[in-house]
Amino acid sequence: MMNNKISPFLKLALVAGLLFLYIPLFILVIYSFNDSKLVTVWGGFSTKWYGRLLQDQQILSAAWLSLKIAVCASFAAVTLGTMAGYAMARIKRFRGSTLFAGLISAPMVMPDVITGLSMLLLIIQVQTMLQGWLHSDVTWLDRGFFTIFLGHTTLCMAYITVVIRSRLAELDQSLEEAAMDLGARPMKIFFVITLPLIAPAIASGFLLGITLSLDDVVITSFLSGPGSSTLPQVIFSKIRLGLDPKMNVLATIFIAVVGTLVIVVNYFMLRQATKRDREMQAAYKAEQKALESA
């Protein structure tokens, strides 16, 4: 009989790992209520830095820009990543499949400096060509929101494709094959059967895309222009000049928002999985009763 007890070493390693990850976050949250201007010296409890953060228009505008880019890039990356992951999981071999898989995975293994520089050179070349053809300025390709959006979409799509492809590889294709035998069209099979089954992976990929977009500095530095500084760029520039207590407040707000979002998404995902399991059990019991009555 196998011993299911967890060894003390594994328990200690788990506790040590969790403490290593979360103690800095707890310290950061505590010091966001520090009254002192020195971020490493406790000067009493105060919420004044929260008020000053809400009055900092540079940080607020950068945060709003970063949020818009993250959401738009994640939506685009989820759409493209779902199509790419579906093609790689369901169409096993096709002409150029190896090259296609390599191109999808390239942004994950490529240094961000190379990715940002190559994207910048590509955008400049395309803008120059369009200006020569149209004989007018192509201002929508100037470095700013749209160019950052393109760079973040390229980066996020690679990771989301891996998530979607892994989920599709685990699915039982018998449901899709049964629907095909009953005469369902491929498009209907995808939206009615496949899409609900991979919905948790899509939600996870969307959250991953937002995280990657909000965290990126290197690619954004190449693709951003005047007046389009994202929040990571603003934070990095302020940290270089010295630690600012408002950064603790900003990080605390992000922790609260992201934590709440993760909890809500996980709740609905677990609720959907539980509902699906109950429906499958009910269908199985109905089938067994039908067989017994026959």
Protein backbone atom coordinates (compact mmCIF):
# COMPACT_ATOMS: atom_id res chain seq x y z
CA MET A 1 0.00 0.00 0.00
CA MET A 2 1.38 3.38 -1.00
CA ASN A 3 2.15 5.94 1.67
CA ASN A 4 0.30 9.17 0.84
CA LYS A 5 1.95 11.21 3.58
CA ILE A 6 3.92 14.25 2.46
CA SER A 7 7.45 14.31 3.76
CA PRO A 8 8.47 17.16 6.12
CA PHE A 9 11.09 18.27 3.60
CA LEU A 10 8.45 18.83 0.92
CA LYS A 11 6.28 20.75 3.37
CA LEU A 12 9.24 22.90 4.37
CA ALA A 13 10.16 23.52 0.73
CA LEU A 14 6.55 24.52 -0.05
CA VAL A 15 6.36 26.94 2.88
CA ALA A 16 9.78 28.42 2.07
CA GLY A 17 8.81 28.92 -1.57
CA LEU A 18 5.52 30.62 -0.69
CA LEU A 19 7.22 32.88 1.86
CA PHE A 20 9.89 33.80 -0.67
CA LEU A 21 7.21 34.80 -3.18
CA TYR A 22 4.72 36.59 -0.96
CA ILE A 23 6.67 38.23 1.88
CA PRO A 24 7.99 41.00 -0.44
CA LEU A 25 4.43 41.67 -1.60
CA PHE A 26 3.16 41.94 1.97
CA ILE A 27 6.00 44.32 2.87
CA LEU A 28 5.23 46.43 -0.18
CA VAL A 29 1.54 46.64 0.75
CA ILE A 30 2.37 47.60 4.34
CA TYR A 31 4.78 50.34 3.28
CA SER A 32 2.21 51.80 0.91
CA PHE A 33 0.54 53.16 4.08
CA ASN A 34 3.80 54.66 5.33
CA ASP A 35 3.72 58.32 6.33
CA SER A 36 7.43 58.84 5.68
CA LYS A 37 8.80 59.92 2.33
CA LEU A 38 11.59 57.37 2.77
CA VAL A 39 10.21 54.08 1.53
CA THR A 40 12.46 52.01 3.81
CA VAL A 41 11.74 53.91 7.05
CA TRP A 42 8.41 53.47 8.81
CA GLY A 43 7.01 56.85 9.85
CA GLY A 44 3.52 55.92 10.94
CA PHE A 45 0.26 54.92 9.30
CA SER A 46 -1.05 57.25 6.60
CA THR A 47 -2.98 57.15 3.34
CA LYS A 48 -1.67 60.44 1.97
CA TRP A 49 0.32 58.76 -0.80
CA TYR A 50 -2.90 57.27 -2.20
CA GLY A 51 -4.30 60.77 -2.56
CA ARG A 52 -1.11 62.06 -4.16
CA LEU A 53 -1.08 59.17 -6.61
CA LEU A 54 -4.61 60.07 -7.74
CA GLN A 55 -3.37 63.61 -8.40
CA ASP A 56 -0.39 62.51 -10.51
CA GLN A 57 -1.64 62.95 -14.07
CA GLN A 58 1.50 61.43 -15.59
CA ILE A 59 1.01 58.12 -13.81
CA LEU A 60 -2.76 58.09 -14.38
CA SER A 61 -2.45 58.74 -18.12
CA ALA A 62 0.31 56.14 -18.43
CA ALA A 63 -1.78 53.60 -16.52
CA TRP A 64 -4.81 54.25 -18.74
CA LEU A 65 -2.68 53.87 -21.88
CA SER A 66 -1.13 50.64 -20.60
CA LEU A 67 -4.54 49.22 -19.72
CA LYS A 68 -5.97 50.03 -23.16
CA ILE A 69 -2.98 48.49 -24.92
CA ALA A 70 -3.06 45.40 -22.69
CA VAL A 71 -6.76 44.72 -23.26
CA CYS A 72 -6.67 45.36 -27.02
CA ALA A 73 -3.46 43.36 -27.52
CA SER A 74 -4.80 40.47 -25.42
CA PHE A 75 -8.06 40.33 -27.41
CA ALA A 76 -6.14 40.31 -30.69
CA ALA A 77 -3.61 37.78 -29.39
CA VAL A 78 -6.35 35.47 -28.09
CA THR A 79 -8.10 35.56 -31.46
CA LEU A 80 -4.95 34.88 -33.47
CA GLY A 81 -3.57 32.44 -30.90
CA THR A 82 -6.79 30.41 -30.86
CA MET A 83 -6.73 30.08 -34.65
CA ALA A 84 -3.03 29.19 -34.68
CA GLY A 85 -3.38 26.72 -31.81
CA TYR A 86 -6.40 25.09 -33.44
CA ALA A 87 -4.53 24.70 -36.73
CA MET A 88 -1.48 23.19 -35.03
CA ALA A 89 -3.54 20.81 -32.85
CA ARG A 90 -6.11 19.63 -35.38
CA ILE A 91 -4.16 19.81 -38.65
CA LYS A 92 -1.26 17.61 -37.68
CA ARG A 93 0.86 17.93 -40.80
CA PHE A 94 0.57 20.44 -43.61
CA ARG A 95 3.00 22.07 -45.98
CA GLY A 96 5.12 24.48 -43.98
CA SER A 97 3.89 23.22 -40.59
CA THR A 98 7.42 23.09 -39.14
CA LEU A 99 8.16 26.63 -40.30
CA PHE A 100 4.77 27.80 -39.01
CA ALA A 101 5.43 26.29 -35.55
CA GLY A 102 8.88 27.86 -35.48
CA LEU A 103 7.56 31.29 -36.39
CA ILE A 104 4.89 31.03 -33.70
CA SER A 105 7.45 30.08 -31.04
CA ALA A 106 10.11 32.60 -32.11
CA PRO A 107 8.89 35.55 -29.97
CA MET A 108 9.12 33.40 -26.84
CA VAL A 109 12.79 32.49 -27.31
CA MET A 110 13.93 35.66 -29.06
CA PRO A 111 15.47 38.37 -26.84
CA ASP A 112 13.12 41.30 -26.38
CA VAL A 113 15.77 43.66 -27.71
CA ILE A 114 15.87 41.78 -31.03
CA THR A 115 12.08 41.60 -31.22
CA GLY A 116 11.65 45.31 -30.49
CA LEU A 117 14.35 46.38 -32.94
CA SER A 118 13.03 44.15 -35.73
CA MET A 119 9.47 45.41 -35.18
CA LEU A 120 10.67 49.01 -35.29
CA LEU A 121 12.61 48.48 -38.54
CA LEU A 122 9.63 46.68 -40.10
CA ILE A 123 7.21 49.46 -39.17
CA ILE A 124 9.56 52.14 -40.51
CA GLN A 125 9.98 50.27 -43.81
CA VAL A 126 6.23 49.72 -44.21
CA GLN A 127 5.52 53.36 -43.39
CA THR A 128 8.10 54.53 -45.94
CA MET A 129 6.67 52.25 -48.64
CA LEU A 130 3.08 53.37 -47.99
CA GLN A 131 4.08 57.02 -48.05
CA GLY A 132 5.76 56.47 -51.43
CA TRP A 133 2.70 54.72 -52.87
CA LEU A 134 0.07 57.02 -51.40
CA HIS A 135 2.10 60.25 -51.71
CA SER A 136 0.89 61.32 -48.28
CA ASP A 137 1.90 60.96 -44.65
CA VAL A 138 0.92 57.67 -42.97
CA THR A 139 0.48 59.09 -39.49
CA TRP A 140 -1.29 56.03 -38.08
CA LEU A 141 2.03 54.15 -38.27
CA ASP A 142 3.87 56.77 -36.22
CA ARG A 143 5.28 55.34 -33.02
CA GLY A 144 2.56 55.34 -30.39
CA PHE A 145 -0.50 53.34 -29.39
CA PHE A 146 -0.83 51.33 -32.60
CA THR A 147 2.83 50.33 -32.88
CA ILE A 148 2.96 49.25 -29.23
CA PHE A 149 -0.25 47.31 -29.81
CA LEU A 150 1.36 45.45 -32.73
CA GLY A 151 4.44 44.58 -30.70
CA HIS A 152 2.50 43.35 -27.68
CA THR A 153 0.12 41.34 -29.85
CA THR A 154 3.07 39.58 -31.48
CA LEU A 155 4.60 38.77 -28.10
CA CYS A 156 1.39 37.63 -26.39
CA MET A 157 0.17 35.54 -29.32
CA ALA A 158 3.13 33.16 -29.02
CA TYR A 159 2.37 32.33 -25.39
CA ILE A 160 -1.39 32.13 -25.88
CA THR A 161 -0.95 29.77 -28.84
CA VAL A 162 0.97 27.34 -26.62
CA VAL A 163 -1.79 27.46 -23.98
CA ILE A 164 -4.59 26.89 -26.50
CA ARG A 165 -2.69 24.16 -28.34
CA SER A 166 -2.00 22.29 -25.09
CA ARG A 167 -5.67 22.42 -24.12
CA LEU A 168 -6.80 21.20 -27.54
CA ALA A 169 -4.31 18.34 -27.43
CA GLU A 170 -5.87 17.12 -24.16
CA LEU A 171 -9.46 17.18 -25.45
CA ASP A 172 -11.25 14.03 -26.47
CA GLN A 173 -12.09 14.39 -30.15
CA SER A 174 -14.93 11.87 -29.93
CA LEU A 175 -17.47 14.67 -29.34
CA GLU A 176 -16.33 16.53 -32.44
CA GLU A 177 -16.32 13.31 -34.49
CA ALA A 178 -19.82 12.44 -33.27
CA ALA A 179 -21.06 15.88 -34.29
CA MET A 180 -19.49 15.43 -37.72
CA ASP A 181 -21.21 12.07 -38.09
CA LEU A 182 -24.52 13.76 -37.31
CA GLY A 183 -23.96 16.24 -40.12
CA ALA A 184 -22.75 19.30 -38.22
CA ARG A 185 -20.59 21.73 -40.17
CA PRO A 186 -17.01 22.41 -38.98
CA MET A 187 -17.83 26.01 -38.05
CA LYS A 188 -20.78 24.92 -35.91
CA ILE A 189 -18.70 22.18 -34.28
CA PHE A 190 -16.07 24.72 -33.31
CA PHE A 191 -18.45 27.29 -31.81
CA VAL A 192 -20.87 24.85 -30.15
CA ILE A 193 -18.51 22.09 -28.92
CA THR A 194 -14.85 23.03 -29.12
CA LEU A 195 -15.02 26.66 -28.04
CA PRO A 196 -16.89 26.02 -24.74
CA LEU A 197 -14.40 23.26 -23.88
CA ILE A 198 -11.37 25.49 -24.41
CA ALA A 199 -12.98 28.55 -22.79
CA PRO A 200 -10.93 28.17 -19.56
CA ALA A 201 -7.73 28.07 -21.61
CA ILE A 202 -8.84 31.16 -23.53
CA ALA A 203 -9.54 33.00 -20.27
CA SER A 204 -6.14 31.95 -18.91
CA GLY A 205 -4.46 33.08 -22.12
CA PHE A 206 -6.24 36.43 -21.97
CA LEU A 207 -5.03 37.05 -18.41
CA LEU A 208 -1.54 35.94 -19.39
CA GLY A 209 -1.61 38.38 -22.31
CA ILE A 210 -2.60 41.26 -20.03
CA THR A 211 0.21 40.36 -17.64
CA LEU A 212 2.81 40.20 -20.39
CA SER A 213 1.65 43.47 -21.91
CA LEU A 214 1.64 45.36 -18.60
CA ASP A 215 5.06 43.94 -17.74
CA ASP A 216 6.85 44.74 -21.00
CA VAL A 217 9.42 47.53 -21.07
CA VAL A 218 12.02 46.62 -23.70
CA ILE A 219 9.76 46.17 -26.74
CA THR A 220 7.69 49.19 -25.69
CA SER A 221 10.82 51.34 -25.50
CA PHE A 222 11.47 50.69 -29.21
CA LEU A 223 7.88 51.18 -30.36
CA SER A 224 6.70 54.09 -28.21
CA GLY A 225 6.92 57.70 -29.26
CA PRO A 226 6.46 61.14 -27.69
CA GLY A 227 3.39 61.24 -25.47
CA SER A 228 2.89 57.47 -25.49
CA SER A 229 4.85 56.34 -22.44
CA THR A 230 3.33 53.29 -20.79
CA LEU A 231 3.15 52.71 -17.06
CA PRO A 232 6.24 50.42 -16.86
CA GLN A 233 8.27 53.09 -18.66
CA VAL A 234 7.11 55.79 -16.24
CA ILE A 235 7.83 53.59 -13.23
CA PHE A 236 11.28 52.70 -14.55
CA SER A 237 12.14 56.35 -15.17
CA LYS A 238 10.98 57.37 -11.67
CA ILE A 239 12.83 54.51 -9.95
CA ARG A 240 16.06 55.56 -11.64
CA LEU A 241 15.77 58.96 -9.96
CA GLY A 242 15.06 57.46 -6.53
CA LEU A 243 12.44 55.40 -4.75
CA ASP A 244 9.03 57.06 -4.67
CA PRO A 245 6.39 56.06 -2.08
CA LYS A 246 3.72 56.42 -4.77
CA MET A 247 5.21 53.39 -6.51
CA ASN A 248 4.31 51.27 -3.46
CA VAL A 249 0.76 52.56 -3.67
CA LEU A 250 0.58 51.83 -7.38
CA ALA A 251 1.90 48.31 -6.88
CA THR A 252 -0.62 47.71 -4.07
CA ILE A 253 -3.49 48.76 -6.32
CA PHE A 254 -2.25 46.45 -9.05
CA ILE A 255 -1.98 43.54 -6.60
CA ALA A 256 -5.55 44.15 -5.42
CA VAL A 257 -6.97 44.44 -8.94
CA VAL A 258 -5.11 41.44 -10.34
CA GLY A 259 -5.86 39.31 -7.28
CA THR A 260 -9.56 40.11 -7.46
CA LEU A 261 -9.64 39.41 -11.20
CA VAL A 262 -7.91 36.05 -10.78
CA ILE A 263 -10.28 35.01 -7.98
CA VAL A 264 -13.37 35.99 -9.99
CA VAL A 265 -12.16 34.22 -13.16
CA ASN A 266 -11.23 31.07 -11.24
CA TYR A 267 -14.63 31.09 -9.53
CA PHE A 268 -16.52 31.19 -12.82
CA MET A 269 -14.20 28.59 -14.38
CA LEU A 270 -14.73 26.18 -11.48
CA ARG A 271 -18.45 26.86 -11.57
CA GLN A 272 -18.57 26.08 -15.29
CA ALA A 273 -16.51 22.90 -14.82
CA THR A 274 -18.79 21.73 -12.00
CA LYS A 275 -21.88 22.42 -14.09
CA ARG A 276 -20.42 20.50 -17.03
CA ASP A 277 -19.57 17.52 -14.80
CA ARG A 278 -23.11 17.45 -13.39
CA GLU A 279 -24.60 17.54 -16.87
CA MET A 280 -22.35 14.69 -17.98
CA GLN A 281 -23.31 12.64 -14.92
CA ALA A 282 -27.00 13.32 -15.52
CA ALA A 283 -26.66 12.29 -19.17
CA TYR A 284 -24.81 9.13 -18.15
CA LYS A 285 -27.50 8.19 -15.62
CA ALA A 286 -30.25 8.83 -18.18
CA GLU A 287 -28.45 6.60 -20.66
CA GLN A 288 -28.09 3.83 -18.08
CA LYS A 289 -31.80 4.02 -17.21
CA ALA A 290 -32.69 3.85 -20.90
CA LEU A 291 -30.53 0.76 -21.33
CA GLU A 292 -32.04 -0.91 -18.25
CA SER A 293 -35.61 -0.20 -19.37
CA ALA A 294 -34.81 -1.59 -22.83
